[in-house]
Structure formats: structure tokens, C-alpha cells
């Protein structure tokens, strides 16, 4: 099976490519390198015994450059990661996010329809639940999200559900991620943000390395175990394997699955685990809450376990150890 992976040199995309290739799938990566680096391709080759890999530097929102790839490659399945992902930036630049994230989804859906690609997996997010009460279940009504990034995910889901109605032979799978962290155990690939990190774990590792002076913890007065926000963290390799499970196991015209651990961990618990596992102190400062942040967000993961035979295997300890190993390998 030949799988087109949009955004395949990015954080989650690159780990998924490695898992696909090591299971014998042919992979075609399409990425414009907006938030990733070309050097990731060499790392992927190292992790897959130099197996053949096709790469196109192209923007998935541009139909004129994407269609020739579908004509050339005879694609069997699409895993769609390409999209802007910084919540804060989406608030500052909403039109940029709507234009890119919706157009990439629509262009790839048009290509899937035209070239008879029967399997389409979309990288969605737990943000689509808005202020839903945890544990979050796939059958919940989706509430208004607090930022344009989340709205682009919710709107893309709606686009793909409507698209599926006119293509009943297709399998459209919407994977709602929770909080991916960690890195490949080799330390070769991981989360490498450009500029100041938007996500917690790369900020923690940069503080540990001395790149940042301290971590800012947004709020300690939530109704949680220690007052700090609780999230469902999932190792990026477990998340990548979730895509393989969806590729093999999705059966319906529209399939929706949460991909998380099903367990909530507070910010302070994560910091304490990092310090204990890696034997390094993380200086931090408690500051005001961020607008729109929820106290507790974690997944109900029973559906993926039952229907896809998938569940997480790696622990919070694995996540912080692997993230620190990757950070230490960076120049």
C-alpha cells in the first residue's frame, strides 16, 4: 500500500512515517517545510534502514502542484498532518489559519475523490470538544472552541463528514489527539519548534538545557490535584502507532477516535516526573491563567481500544526521558 503523508517531516508526521515504513508501507511525503526541517529525511532513513522514500517539497493548499503528485504516484491512502498548529498565532492571525488549514483539507479531499483514494485519515485535535467535561467521548456534541486553530480542526472535520456522504465507499477517519510529547527512543527525531516553544514539553527541555531561564506555569488555582492544569499526555510513538491501527482497522464511511492515554497529569506532576527521571531541576514561576485554558482535559479511549485494538504502551516516564534525550542530541 502506498500512503501519502502530508506534513510528513513534522513532529507527529515523521514518527508516523517511520512506523509506516518499518511495517512495509510505501510512503510519499508532501511537506512545504514551513514548520520542519529537510534534515529530518536523513533521520527517517537512518531509522528505516535506508528504505526508499519519496519526498515532494510542496504546499498542500495549492492544487496545481498537488495534482501532478497524485497522477504520478497512484496513492492508496492519505494521512493528513499538514496544517498550522500554534494556538496563540491562530488568535493573532486567524485568516492565515483558516486559509491554510481548510484549503489543505479540501485540496487533499478533492484529490482523494478524483483519483479514487479510498482511505483518508485526518489529524484532528481534542480542541474540537471546546469546553466539554472530561472524560471526553467521541459521541459528545462539539462546542465552540476558544481559538481559530481549534475551529479549523472542527470545520475540517465537518468538511470531511459532508464529503464522506457523497463518497460512501471511502473510509474517512478523524483522529482527535490529546497532548503528544516525547520523541523517538533513538533521539534522532522529536519536537523541534522554531523560536519560542508553544507547547509545554519542548519548553521544559529548553529550560533544562539552559536555553530558557525558567518555565512559566499558567495558573495554580484550578480545581485539580495541585491547582495546575491537567492534560492527557500521549507518547508521540504511541500516537504514530494509532495511525497504523486506524489505517488497518477503520471500517465505516466516517470513523472518529480519541487518541490519548485516558489519564490526566497535572503540569506540576509532569515537571516533577521530568526532574526525577532525568535528575535535573526545572526552575518555574507561577503566573496568571491564560484566557481559554480549561482545568482538566483527558480522553475516554474505550472506542479506539475496542474497535482498533489500540492503546498506549509508553508511560509519562518514557515521555520525559525520550524528550530530554532528543533535546540533548540537538546542536
C-alpha atoms as a PDB file:
ATOM      1  CA  UNK A   1       0.000   0.000   0.000  1.00  0.00           C
ATOM      2  CA  UNK A   2       1.260   3.466  -0.929  1.00  0.00           C
ATOM      3  CA  UNK A   3       0.455   6.158   1.633  1.00  0.00           C
ATOM      4  CA  UNK A   4       0.739   9.900   1.038  1.00  0.00           C
ATOM      5  CA  UNK A   5       1.687  11.660   4.277  1.00  0.00           C
ATOM      6  CA  UNK A   6       1.119  15.407   4.185  1.00  0.00           C
ATOM      7  CA  UNK A   7       3.304  17.199   6.715  1.00  0.00           C
ATOM      8  CA  UNK A   8       5.445  14.082   6.944  1.00  0.00           C
ATOM      9  CA  UNK A   9       8.629  15.835   8.065  1.00  0.00           C
ATOM     10  CA  UNK A  10       6.869  17.427  11.051  1.00  0.00           C
ATOM     11  CA  UNK A  11       6.827  16.186  14.626  1.00  0.00           C
ATOM     12  CA  UNK A  12       3.971  13.671  14.532  1.00  0.00           C
ATOM     13  CA  UNK A  13       4.262  13.085  10.792  1.00  0.00           C
ATOM     14  CA  UNK A  14       7.901  11.964  10.910  1.00  0.00           C
ATOM     15  CA  UNK A  15       7.240   9.442  13.678  1.00  0.00           C
ATOM     16  CA  UNK A  16       4.275   8.074  11.736  1.00  0.00           C
ATOM     17  CA  UNK A  17       6.383   7.775   8.572  1.00  0.00           C
ATOM     18  CA  UNK A  18       8.963   5.712  10.490  1.00  0.00           C
ATOM     19  CA  UNK A  19       6.273   3.351  11.796  1.00  0.00           C
ATOM     20  CA  UNK A  20       4.695   3.007   8.340  1.00  0.00           C
ATOM     21  CA  UNK A  21       7.979   2.268   6.578  1.00  0.00           C
ATOM     22  CA  UNK A  22       9.136  -0.243   9.165  1.00  0.00           C
ATOM     23  CA  UNK A  23       5.891  -2.138   8.584  1.00  0.00           C
ATOM     24  CA  UNK A  24       6.476  -2.263   4.831  1.00  0.00           C
ATOM     25  CA  UNK A  25       4.241   0.561   3.592  1.00  0.00           C
ATOM     26  CA  UNK A  26       5.412   2.697   0.688  1.00  0.00           C
ATOM     27  CA  UNK A  27       5.462   6.338   1.760  1.00  0.00           C
ATOM     28  CA  UNK A  28       5.225   9.574  -0.185  1.00  0.00           C
ATOM     29  CA  UNK A  29       5.841  12.691   1.920  1.00  0.00           C
ATOM     30  CA  UNK A  30       4.471  16.062   0.847  1.00  0.00           C
ATOM     31  CA  UNK A  31       5.640  18.968   3.011  1.00  0.00           C
ATOM     32  CA  UNK A  32       6.408  22.645   2.410  1.00  0.00           C
ATOM     33  CA  UNK A  33       8.867  22.694   5.367  1.00  0.00           C
ATOM     34  CA  UNK A  34       7.007  25.604   6.977  1.00  0.00           C
ATOM     35  CA  UNK A  35       7.471  24.132  10.448  1.00  0.00           C
ATOM     36  CA  UNK A  36      10.017  21.368   9.879  1.00  0.00           C
ATOM     37  CA  UNK A  37      13.495  20.726   8.522  1.00  0.00           C
ATOM     38  CA  UNK A  38      14.753  18.853   5.476  1.00  0.00           C
ATOM     39  CA  UNK A  39      17.353  17.076   7.640  1.00  0.00           C
ATOM     40  CA  UNK A  40      14.514  15.000   9.126  1.00  0.00           C
ATOM     41  CA  UNK A  41      14.512  12.927   5.918  1.00  0.00           C
ATOM     42  CA  UNK A  42      18.034  11.681   6.667  1.00  0.00           C
ATOM     43  CA  UNK A  43      16.965  10.769  10.204  1.00  0.00           C
ATOM     44  CA  UNK A  44      13.967   8.845   8.859  1.00  0.00           C
ATOM     45  CA  UNK A  45      16.254   6.916   6.525  1.00  0.00           C
ATOM     46  CA  UNK A  46      18.531   6.020   9.431  1.00  0.00           C
ATOM     47  CA  UNK A  47      15.562   4.691  11.384  1.00  0.00           C
ATOM     48  CA  UNK A  48      14.209   2.639   8.457  1.00  0.00           C
ATOM     49  CA  UNK A  49      17.417   1.028   7.150  1.00  0.00           C
ATOM     50  CA  UNK A  50      17.550   3.415   4.180  1.00  0.00           C
ATOM     51  CA  UNK A  51      14.296   2.186   2.683  1.00  0.00           C
ATOM     52  CA  UNK A  52      13.063   4.013  -0.397  1.00  0.00           C
ATOM     53  CA  UNK A  53      11.193   7.204   0.412  1.00  0.00           C
ATOM     54  CA  UNK A  54       9.608   9.744  -1.920  1.00  0.00           C
ATOM     55  CA  UNK A  55       9.617  13.403  -0.871  1.00  0.00           C
ATOM     56  CA  UNK A  56       7.972  16.382  -2.542  1.00  0.00           C
ATOM     57  CA  UNK A  57       8.536  19.893  -1.233  1.00  0.00           C
ATOM     58  CA  UNK A  58       5.093  21.295  -1.964  1.00  0.00           C
ATOM     59  CA  UNK A  59       2.238  23.214  -0.382  1.00  0.00           C
ATOM     60  CA  UNK A  60      -0.849  21.044   0.080  1.00  0.00           C
ATOM     61  CA  UNK A  61      -3.144  24.054  -0.278  1.00  0.00           C
ATOM     62  CA  UNK A  62      -2.012  24.532  -3.896  1.00  0.00           C
ATOM     63  CA  UNK A  63      -3.996  22.258  -6.190  1.00  0.00           C
ATOM     64  CA  UNK A  64      -1.746  22.977  -9.182  1.00  0.00           C
ATOM     65  CA  UNK A  65       1.302  21.424  -7.503  1.00  0.00           C
ATOM     66  CA  UNK A  66      -0.526  18.653  -5.647  1.00  0.00           C
ATOM     67  CA  UNK A  67      -2.454  17.113  -8.546  1.00  0.00           C
ATOM     68  CA  UNK A  68       0.672  16.092 -10.526  1.00  0.00           C
ATOM     69  CA  UNK A  69       1.838  14.157  -7.438  1.00  0.00           C
ATOM     70  CA  UNK A  70      -1.394  12.145  -7.386  1.00  0.00           C
ATOM     71  CA  UNK A  71      -1.105  11.487 -11.121  1.00  0.00           C
ATOM     72  CA  UNK A  72       2.490  10.291 -10.710  1.00  0.00           C
ATOM     73  CA  UNK A  73       2.262   8.260  -7.526  1.00  0.00           C
ATOM     74  CA  UNK A  74      -1.026   6.270  -7.663  1.00  0.00           C
ATOM     75  CA  UNK A  75      -1.828   6.833  -3.973  1.00  0.00           C
ATOM     76  CA  UNK A  76      -3.834   4.254  -1.955  1.00  0.00           C
ATOM     77  CA  UNK A  77      -4.287   6.167   1.324  1.00  0.00           C
ATOM     78  CA  UNK A  78      -3.777   9.658   2.728  1.00  0.00           C
ATOM     79  CA  UNK A  79      -2.690  10.622   6.240  1.00  0.00           C
ATOM     80  CA  UNK A  80      -3.161  14.373   6.517  1.00  0.00           C
ATOM     81  CA  UNK A  81      -0.979  16.227   9.050  1.00  0.00           C
ATOM     82  CA  UNK A  82      -0.248  19.404   7.062  1.00  0.00           C
ATOM     83  CA  UNK A  83      -1.534  22.488   8.861  1.00  0.00           C
ATOM     84  CA  UNK A  84      -0.572  25.386  11.075  1.00  0.00           C
ATOM     85  CA  UNK A  85      -0.805  24.419  14.737  1.00  0.00           C
ATOM     86  CA  UNK A  86       0.109  27.259  17.130  1.00  0.00           C
ATOM     87  CA  UNK A  87      -2.928  28.289  19.168  1.00  0.00           C
ATOM     88  CA  UNK A  88      -1.547  31.726  20.050  1.00  0.00           C
ATOM     89  CA  UNK A  89      -0.588  32.513  16.474  1.00  0.00           C
ATOM     90  CA  UNK A  90      -4.043  31.462  15.306  1.00  0.00           C
ATOM     91  CA  UNK A  91      -5.574  34.108  17.577  1.00  0.00           C
ATOM     92  CA  UNK A  92      -3.223  36.762  16.188  1.00  0.00           C
ATOM     93  CA  UNK A  93      -3.538  35.633  12.562  1.00  0.00           C
ATOM     94  CA  UNK A  94      -6.927  33.922  12.166  1.00  0.00           C
ATOM     95  CA  UNK A  95      -7.251  34.378   8.397  1.00  0.00           C
ATOM     96  CA  UNK A  96      -3.863  32.722   7.845  1.00  0.00           C
ATOM     97  CA  UNK A  97      -5.092  29.673   9.773  1.00  0.00           C
ATOM     98  CA  UNK A  98      -8.492  29.430   8.124  1.00  0.00           C
ATOM     99  CA  UNK A  99      -6.994  29.861   4.657  1.00  0.00           C
ATOM    100  CA  UNK A 100      -4.265  27.259   5.082  1.00  0.00           C
ATOM    101  CA  UNK A 101      -5.832  24.623   7.296  1.00  0.00           C
ATOM    102  CA  UNK A 102      -9.150  24.455   5.466  1.00  0.00           C
ATOM    103  CA  UNK A 103      -7.639  24.622   1.980  1.00  0.00           C
ATOM    104  CA  UNK A 104      -5.144  21.824   2.616  1.00  0.00           C
ATOM    105  CA  UNK A 105      -8.007  19.591   3.763  1.00  0.00           C
ATOM    106  CA  UNK A 106     -10.208  20.474   0.781  1.00  0.00           C
ATOM    107  CA  UNK A 107      -7.443  20.052  -1.809  1.00  0.00           C
ATOM    108  CA  UNK A 108      -6.494  16.616  -0.489  1.00  0.00           C
ATOM    109  CA  UNK A 109     -10.157  15.578  -0.300  1.00  0.00           C
ATOM    110  CA  UNK A 110     -10.673  16.670  -3.927  1.00  0.00           C
ATOM    111  CA  UNK A 111      -7.658  14.617  -4.967  1.00  0.00           C
ATOM    112  CA  UNK A 112      -8.888  11.612  -2.999  1.00  0.00           C
ATOM    113  CA  UNK A 113     -12.237  11.803  -4.780  1.00  0.00           C
ATOM    114  CA  UNK A 114     -10.780  12.344  -8.249  1.00  0.00           C
ATOM    115  CA  UNK A 115      -8.086   9.659  -8.007  1.00  0.00           C
ATOM    116  CA  UNK A 116     -10.124   7.072  -6.085  1.00  0.00           C
ATOM    117  CA  UNK A 117      -8.148   7.105  -2.847  1.00  0.00           C
ATOM    118  CA  UNK A 118     -10.360   5.070  -0.536  1.00  0.00           C
ATOM    119  CA  UNK A 119      -8.719   5.722   2.853  1.00  0.00           C
ATOM    120  CA  UNK A 120      -8.313   9.232   4.314  1.00  0.00           C
ATOM    121  CA  UNK A 121      -7.038   9.805   7.861  1.00  0.00           C
ATOM    122  CA  UNK A 122      -7.220  13.318   9.291  1.00  0.00           C
ATOM    123  CA  UNK A 123      -5.091  14.744  12.089  1.00  0.00           C
ATOM    124  CA  UNK A 124      -7.686  16.367  14.340  1.00  0.00           C
ATOM    125  CA  UNK A 125      -7.496  17.533  17.943  1.00  0.00           C
ATOM    126  CA  UNK A 126      -9.192  17.358  21.318  1.00  0.00           C
ATOM    127  CA  UNK A 127      -9.713  21.118  20.959  1.00  0.00           C
ATOM    128  CA  UNK A 128     -12.812  20.323  18.887  1.00  0.00           C
ATOM    129  CA  UNK A 129     -14.611  19.433  22.138  1.00  0.00           C
ATOM    130  CA  UNK A 130     -14.401  23.050  23.298  1.00  0.00           C
ATOM    131  CA  UNK A 131     -15.347  23.247  26.967  1.00  0.00           C
ATOM    132  CA  UNK A 132     -16.694  19.712  27.137  1.00  0.00           C
ATOM    133  CA  UNK A 133     -16.435  17.960  30.511  1.00  0.00           C
ATOM    134  CA  UNK A 134     -13.783  15.219  30.759  1.00  0.00           C
ATOM    135  CA  UNK A 135     -13.534  12.383  30.106  1.00  0.00           C
ATOM    136  CA  UNK A 136     -14.207  13.470  26.544  1.00  0.00           C
ATOM    137  CA  UNK A 137     -16.137  10.938  24.463  1.00  0.00           C
ATOM    138  CA  UNK A 138     -16.410  10.798  20.662  1.00  0.00           C
ATOM    139  CA  UNK A 139     -20.219  10.964  20.803  1.00  0.00           C
ATOM    140  CA  UNK A 140     -20.269  14.372  22.547  1.00  0.00           C
ATOM    141  CA  UNK A 141     -21.694  17.395  20.780  1.00  0.00           C
ATOM    142  CA  UNK A 142     -18.852  19.701  19.774  1.00  0.00           C
ATOM    143  CA  UNK A 143     -18.903  23.098  21.460  1.00  0.00           C
ATOM    144  CA  UNK A 144     -17.426  26.369  20.259  1.00  0.00           C
ATOM    145  CA  UNK A 145     -13.661  26.300  20.676  1.00  0.00           C
ATOM    146  CA  UNK A 146     -11.637  29.109  22.225  1.00  0.00           C
ATOM    147  CA  UNK A 147      -9.336  29.809  19.253  1.00  0.00           C
ATOM    148  CA  UNK A 148      -9.188  29.748  15.430  1.00  0.00           C
ATOM    149  CA  UNK A 149      -6.825  26.743  15.424  1.00  0.00           C
ATOM    150  CA  UNK A 150      -9.470  24.629  17.152  1.00  0.00           C
ATOM    151  CA  UNK A 151     -12.162  25.952  14.831  1.00  0.00           C
ATOM    152  CA  UNK A 152     -10.119  24.930  11.767  1.00  0.00           C
ATOM    153  CA  UNK A 153      -9.956  21.389  13.123  1.00  0.00           C
ATOM    154  CA  UNK A 154     -13.676  21.309  13.826  1.00  0.00           C
ATOM    155  CA  UNK A 155     -14.523  22.816  10.432  1.00  0.00           C
ATOM    156  CA  UNK A 156     -12.202  20.372   8.657  1.00  0.00           C
ATOM    157  CA  UNK A 157     -13.974  17.517  10.410  1.00  0.00           C
ATOM    158  CA  UNK A 158     -17.319  18.882   9.153  1.00  0.00           C
ATOM    159  CA  UNK A 159     -15.954  19.239   5.613  1.00  0.00           C
ATOM    160  CA  UNK A 160     -14.756  15.622   5.647  1.00  0.00           C
ATOM    161  CA  UNK A 161     -18.008  14.282   7.116  1.00  0.00           C
ATOM    162  CA  UNK A 162     -20.024  16.045   4.417  1.00  0.00           C
ATOM    163  CA  UNK A 163     -17.532  14.834   1.807  1.00  0.00           C
ATOM    164  CA  UNK A 164     -17.960  11.263   3.033  1.00  0.00           C
ATOM    165  CA  UNK A 165     -21.735  11.368   2.452  1.00  0.00           C
ATOM    166  CA  UNK A 166     -21.147  11.700  -1.295  1.00  0.00           C
ATOM    167  CA  UNK A 167     -18.377   9.083  -1.252  1.00  0.00           C
ATOM    168  CA  UNK A 168     -19.907   6.153   0.649  1.00  0.00           C
ATOM    169  CA  UNK A 169     -17.174   3.730  -0.446  1.00  0.00           C
ATOM    170  CA  UNK A 170     -14.474   5.807   1.227  1.00  0.00           C
ATOM    171  CA  UNK A 171     -13.211   5.420   4.789  1.00  0.00           C
ATOM    172  CA  UNK A 172     -12.757   8.828   6.425  1.00  0.00           C
ATOM    173  CA  UNK A 173     -11.109   8.639   9.859  1.00  0.00           C
ATOM    174  CA  UNK A 174     -10.907  11.613  12.215  1.00  0.00           C
ATOM    175  CA  UNK A 175      -8.277  11.142  14.922  1.00  0.00           C
ATOM    176  CA  UNK A 176      -8.657  13.509  17.856  1.00  0.00           C
ATOM    177  CA  UNK A 177      -5.260  13.870  19.532  1.00  0.00           C
ATOM    178  CA  UNK A 178      -4.755  14.871  23.108  1.00  0.00           C
ATOM    179  CA  UNK A 179      -1.252  16.110  24.152  1.00  0.00           C
ATOM    180  CA  UNK A 180       1.583  14.405  22.251  1.00  0.00           C
ATOM    181  CA  UNK A 181       5.019  14.673  23.858  1.00  0.00           C
ATOM    182  CA  UNK A 182       8.231  12.635  23.884  1.00  0.00           C
ATOM    183  CA  UNK A 183      10.438  11.591  20.981  1.00  0.00           C
ATOM    184  CA  UNK A 184      11.753   8.514  19.215  1.00  0.00           C
ATOM    185  CA  UNK A 185      13.845   6.432  21.618  1.00  0.00           C
ATOM    186  CA  UNK A 186      16.854   6.802  19.293  1.00  0.00           C
ATOM    187  CA  UNK A 187      16.925  10.547  19.980  1.00  0.00           C
ATOM    188  CA  UNK A 188      17.085  11.213  16.230  1.00  0.00           C
ATOM    189  CA  UNK A 189      13.624  12.736  15.737  1.00  0.00           C
ATOM    190  CA  UNK A 190      11.407  14.675  18.095  1.00  0.00           C
ATOM    191  CA  UNK A 191       9.704  18.012  18.629  1.00  0.00           C
ATOM    192  CA  UNK A 192      11.929  20.857  17.389  1.00  0.00           C
ATOM    193  CA  UNK A 193       9.913  24.096  17.421  1.00  0.00           C
ATOM    194  CA  UNK A 194      11.093  27.181  15.600  1.00  0.00           C
ATOM    195  CA  UNK A 195      11.509  30.088  18.011  1.00  0.00           C
ATOM    196  CA  UNK A 196       9.885  30.106  21.441  1.00  0.00           C
ATOM    197  CA  UNK A 197       8.047  26.798  22.028  1.00  0.00           C
ATOM    198  CA  UNK A 198       4.252  26.917  22.167  1.00  0.00           C
ATOM    199  CA  UNK A 199       3.994  23.516  23.850  1.00  0.00           C
ATOM    200  CA  UNK A 200       4.944  22.550  27.383  1.00  0.00           C
ATOM    201  CA  UNK A 201       7.460  19.749  26.889  1.00  0.00           C
ATOM    202  CA  UNK A 202       9.910  21.452  24.492  1.00  0.00           C
ATOM    203  CA  UNK A 203       9.809  24.487  26.792  1.00  0.00           C
ATOM    204  CA  UNK A 204      10.690  22.233  29.739  1.00  0.00           C
ATOM    205  CA  UNK A 205      13.581  20.626  27.858  1.00  0.00           C
ATOM    206  CA  UNK A 206      14.915  24.005  26.758  1.00  0.00           C
ATOM    207  CA  UNK A 207      14.846  25.207  30.378  1.00  0.00           C
ATOM    208  CA  UNK A 208      16.664  22.033  31.409  1.00  0.00           C
ATOM    209  CA  UNK A 209      19.295  22.693  28.760  1.00  0.00           C
ATOM    210  CA  UNK A 210      19.724  26.327  29.810  1.00  0.00           C
ATOM    211  CA  UNK A 211      18.276  27.839  26.644  1.00  0.00           C
ATOM    212  CA  UNK A 212      15.397  29.336  28.649  1.00  0.00           C
ATOM    213  CA  UNK A 213      15.771  30.760  32.151  1.00  0.00           C
ATOM    214  CA  UNK A 214      12.630  29.232  33.634  1.00  0.00           C
ATOM    215  CA  UNK A 215       9.249  27.717  32.860  1.00  0.00           C
ATOM    216  CA  UNK A 216       6.049  29.701  33.274  1.00  0.00           C
ATOM    217  CA  UNK A 217       3.161  27.737  34.792  1.00  0.00           C
ATOM    218  CA  UNK A 218      -0.142  29.372  33.899  1.00  0.00           C
ATOM    219  CA  UNK A 219      -2.320  29.252  36.993  1.00  0.00           C
ATOM    220  CA  UNK A 220      -2.253  27.223  40.218  1.00  0.00           C
ATOM    221  CA  UNK A 221      -5.818  27.818  41.379  1.00  0.00           C
ATOM    222  CA  UNK A 222      -7.702  25.333  39.223  1.00  0.00           C
ATOM    223  CA  UNK A 223      -9.880  22.662  40.842  1.00  0.00           C
ATOM    224  CA  UNK A 224      -7.278  19.942  40.295  1.00  0.00           C
ATOM    225  CA  UNK A 225      -4.955  17.789  42.372  1.00  0.00           C
ATOM    226  CA  UNK A 226      -2.408  20.601  42.835  1.00  0.00           C
ATOM    227  CA  UNK A 227      -4.114  23.624  41.287  1.00  0.00           C
ATOM    228  CA  UNK A 228      -2.351  23.385  37.924  1.00  0.00           C
ATOM    229  CA  UNK A 229      -3.953  22.361  34.649  1.00  0.00           C
ATOM    230  CA  UNK A 230      -4.442  18.652  33.965  1.00  0.00           C
ATOM    231  CA  UNK A 231      -3.934  17.224  30.489  1.00  0.00           C
ATOM    232  CA  UNK A 232      -3.839  13.817  28.798  1.00  0.00           C
ATOM    233  CA  UNK A 233      -0.255  13.298  27.591  1.00  0.00           C
ATOM    234  CA  UNK A 234       0.492  10.653  24.969  1.00  0.00           C
ATOM    235  CA  UNK A 235       3.878   9.500  23.722  1.00  0.00           C
ATOM    236  CA  UNK A 236       4.319  10.513  20.092  1.00  0.00           C
ATOM    237  CA  UNK A 237       5.309   6.944  19.139  1.00  0.00           C
ATOM    238  CA  UNK A 238       2.070   5.582  20.611  1.00  0.00           C
ATOM    239  CA  UNK A 239       0.243   8.290  18.674  1.00  0.00           C
ATOM    240  CA  UNK A 240       2.024   7.283  15.452  1.00  0.00           C
ATOM    241  CA  UNK A 241       1.009   3.666  16.018  1.00  0.00           C
ATOM    242  CA  UNK A 242      -2.573   4.854  16.420  1.00  0.00           C
ATOM    243  CA  UNK A 243      -2.498   5.956  12.786  1.00  0.00           C
ATOM    244  CA  UNK A 244      -1.382   2.490  11.690  1.00  0.00           C
ATOM    245  CA  UNK A 245      -4.219   0.976  13.717  1.00  0.00           C
ATOM    246  CA  UNK A 246      -6.675   3.360  12.031  1.00  0.00           C
ATOM    247  CA  UNK A 247      -5.269   2.577   8.593  1.00  0.00           C
ATOM    248  CA  UNK A 248      -5.836  -1.137   9.225  1.00  0.00           C
ATOM    249  CA  UNK A 249      -8.923  -1.066  11.401  1.00  0.00           C
ATOM    250  CA  UNK A 250     -11.250   1.747  10.302  1.00  0.00           C
ATOM    251  CA  UNK A 251     -14.277   0.166   8.669  1.00  0.00           C
ATOM    252  CA  UNK A 252     -17.064   2.729   8.391  1.00  0.00           C
ATOM    253  CA  UNK A 253     -17.625   5.608   5.996  1.00  0.00           C
ATOM    254  CA  UNK A 254     -16.832   8.010   8.873  1.00  0.00           C
ATOM    255  CA  UNK A 255     -14.754   6.877  11.839  1.00  0.00           C
ATOM    256  CA  UNK A 256     -13.920   9.060  14.854  1.00  0.00           C
ATOM    257  CA  UNK A 257     -11.433   8.108  17.561  1.00  0.00           C
ATOM    258  CA  UNK A 258      -9.768   9.766  20.521  1.00  0.00           C
ATOM    259  CA  UNK A 259      -6.054   9.090  20.728  1.00  0.00           C
ATOM    260  CA  UNK A 260      -4.885   9.651  24.277  1.00  0.00           C
ATOM    261  CA  UNK A 261      -3.839   7.732  27.359  1.00  0.00           C
ATOM    262  CA  UNK A 262      -7.123   8.214  29.194  1.00  0.00           C
ATOM    263  CA  UNK A 263      -5.220   9.536  32.222  1.00  0.00           C
ATOM    264  CA  UNK A 264      -4.825  13.137  33.350  1.00  0.00           C
ATOM    265  CA  UNK A 265      -1.469  14.517  34.545  1.00  0.00           C
ATOM    266  CA  UNK A 266      -1.035  17.982  36.029  1.00  0.00           C
ATOM    267  CA  UNK A 267       1.652  20.429  34.917  1.00  0.00           C
ATOM    268  CA  UNK A 268       3.434  20.136  38.260  1.00  0.00           C
ATOM    269  CA  UNK A 269       3.235  16.334  38.157  1.00  0.00           C
ATOM    270  CA  UNK A 270       4.844  16.400  34.717  1.00  0.00           C
ATOM    271  CA  UNK A 271       7.617  18.724  35.915  1.00  0.00           C
ATOM    272  CA  UNK A 272       8.261  16.556  38.981  1.00  0.00           C
ATOM    273  CA  UNK A 273       8.430  13.415  36.843  1.00  0.00           C
ATOM    274  CA  UNK A 274      10.907  15.106  34.478  1.00  0.00           C
ATOM    275  CA  UNK A 275      13.095  16.136  37.429  1.00  0.00           C
ATOM    276  CA  UNK A 276      13.003  12.661  38.982  1.00  0.00           C
ATOM    277  CA  UNK A 277      13.673  10.686  35.786  1.00  0.00           C
ATOM    278  CA  UNK A 278      16.328  12.989  34.339  1.00  0.00           C
ATOM    279  CA  UNK A 279      17.943  14.120  37.610  1.00  0.00           C
ATOM    280  CA  UNK A 280      17.717  17.798  36.753  1.00  0.00           C
ATOM    281  CA  UNK A 281      15.891  20.698  38.397  1.00  0.00           C
ATOM    282  CA  UNK A 282      13.381  22.770  36.421  1.00  0.00           C
ATOM    283  CA  UNK A 283      13.001  26.333  37.741  1.00  0.00           C
ATOM    284  CA  UNK A 284       9.476  27.630  37.227  1.00  0.00           C
ATOM    285  CA  UNK A 285       7.273  30.582  38.105  1.00  0.00           C
ATOM    286  CA  UNK A 286       3.526  30.540  38.669  1.00  0.00           C
ATOM    287  CA  UNK A 287       1.808  33.246  36.610  1.00  0.00           C
ATOM    288  CA  UNK A 288      -1.783  34.136  35.786  1.00  0.00           C
ATOM    289  CA  UNK A 289      -4.050  31.745  33.919  1.00  0.00           C
ATOM    290  CA  UNK A 290      -4.235  32.062  30.157  1.00  0.00           C
ATOM    291  CA  UNK A 291      -7.637  33.019  28.721  1.00  0.00           C
ATOM    292  CA  UNK A 292      -9.456  29.975  27.406  1.00  0.00           C
ATOM    293  CA  UNK A 293      -7.423  27.354  29.276  1.00  0.00           C
ATOM    294  CA  UNK A 294      -9.501  24.589  30.882  1.00  0.00           C
ATOM    295  CA  UNK A 295      -8.794  22.998  34.260  1.00  0.00           C
ATOM    296  CA  UNK A 296      -8.930  19.370  33.136  1.00  0.00           C
ATOM    297  CA  UNK A 297      -8.842  17.692  29.735  1.00  0.00           C
ATOM    298  CA  UNK A 298      -8.486  13.942  29.231  1.00  0.00           C
ATOM    299  CA  UNK A 299      -9.861  11.307  26.887  1.00  0.00           C
ATOM    300  CA  UNK A 300     -12.203   8.400  27.054  1.00  0.00           C
ATOM    301  CA  UNK A 301     -10.201   5.910  24.972  1.00  0.00           C
ATOM    302  CA  UNK A 302     -12.500   2.884  25.085  1.00  0.00           C
ATOM    303  CA  UNK A 303     -13.641   3.186  21.474  1.00  0.00           C
ATOM    304  CA  UNK A 304     -10.120   3.029  19.998  1.00  0.00           C
ATOM    305  CA  UNK A 305      -9.249   0.149  22.309  1.00  0.00           C
ATOM    306  CA  UNK A 306     -12.351  -1.830  21.338  1.00  0.00           C
ATOM    307  CA  UNK A 307     -12.533  -1.123  17.597  1.00  0.00           C
ATOM    308  CA  UNK A 308      -8.873  -0.600  16.650  1.00  0.00           C
ATOM    309  CA  UNK A 309      -7.272  -2.818  19.290  1.00  0.00           C
ATOM    310  CA  UNK A 310      -5.061   0.163  20.125  1.00  0.00           C
ATOM    311  CA  UNK A 311      -3.998   1.638  23.429  1.00  0.00           C
ATOM    312  CA  UNK A 312      -0.970   3.485  24.729  1.00  0.00           C
ATOM    313  CA  UNK A 313       2.001   1.466  25.960  1.00  0.00           C
ATOM    314  CA  UNK A 314       4.557   4.113  26.943  1.00  0.00           C
ATOM    315  CA  UNK A 315       4.474   5.960  30.268  1.00  0.00           C
ATOM    316  CA  UNK A 316       4.956   9.560  31.391  1.00  0.00           C
ATOM    317  CA  UNK A 317       8.438   8.459  32.499  1.00  0.00           C
ATOM    318  CA  UNK A 318       9.180   7.261  28.949  1.00  0.00           C
ATOM    319  CA  UNK A 319       7.880  10.546  27.526  1.00  0.00           C
ATOM    320  CA  UNK A 320      10.093  12.812  29.637  1.00  0.00           C
ATOM    321  CA  UNK A 321      13.154  10.589  29.235  1.00  0.00           C
ATOM    322  CA  UNK A 322      12.845  10.430  25.452  1.00  0.00           C
ATOM    323  CA  UNK A 323      12.114  14.158  25.128  1.00  0.00           C
ATOM    324  CA  UNK A 324      15.260  15.013  27.124  1.00  0.00           C
ATOM    325  CA  UNK A 325      17.389  12.590  25.091  1.00  0.00           C
ATOM    326  CA  UNK A 326      16.251  14.249  21.875  1.00  0.00           C
ATOM    327  CA  UNK A 327      16.901  17.743  23.243  1.00  0.00           C
ATOM    328  CA  UNK A 328      20.422  16.738  24.258  1.00  0.00           C
ATOM    329  CA  UNK A 329      21.113  15.466  20.741  1.00  0.00           C
ATOM    330  CA  UNK A 330      20.233  18.818  19.170  1.00  0.00           C
ATOM    331  CA  UNK A 331      23.153  21.028  18.150  1.00  0.00           C
END
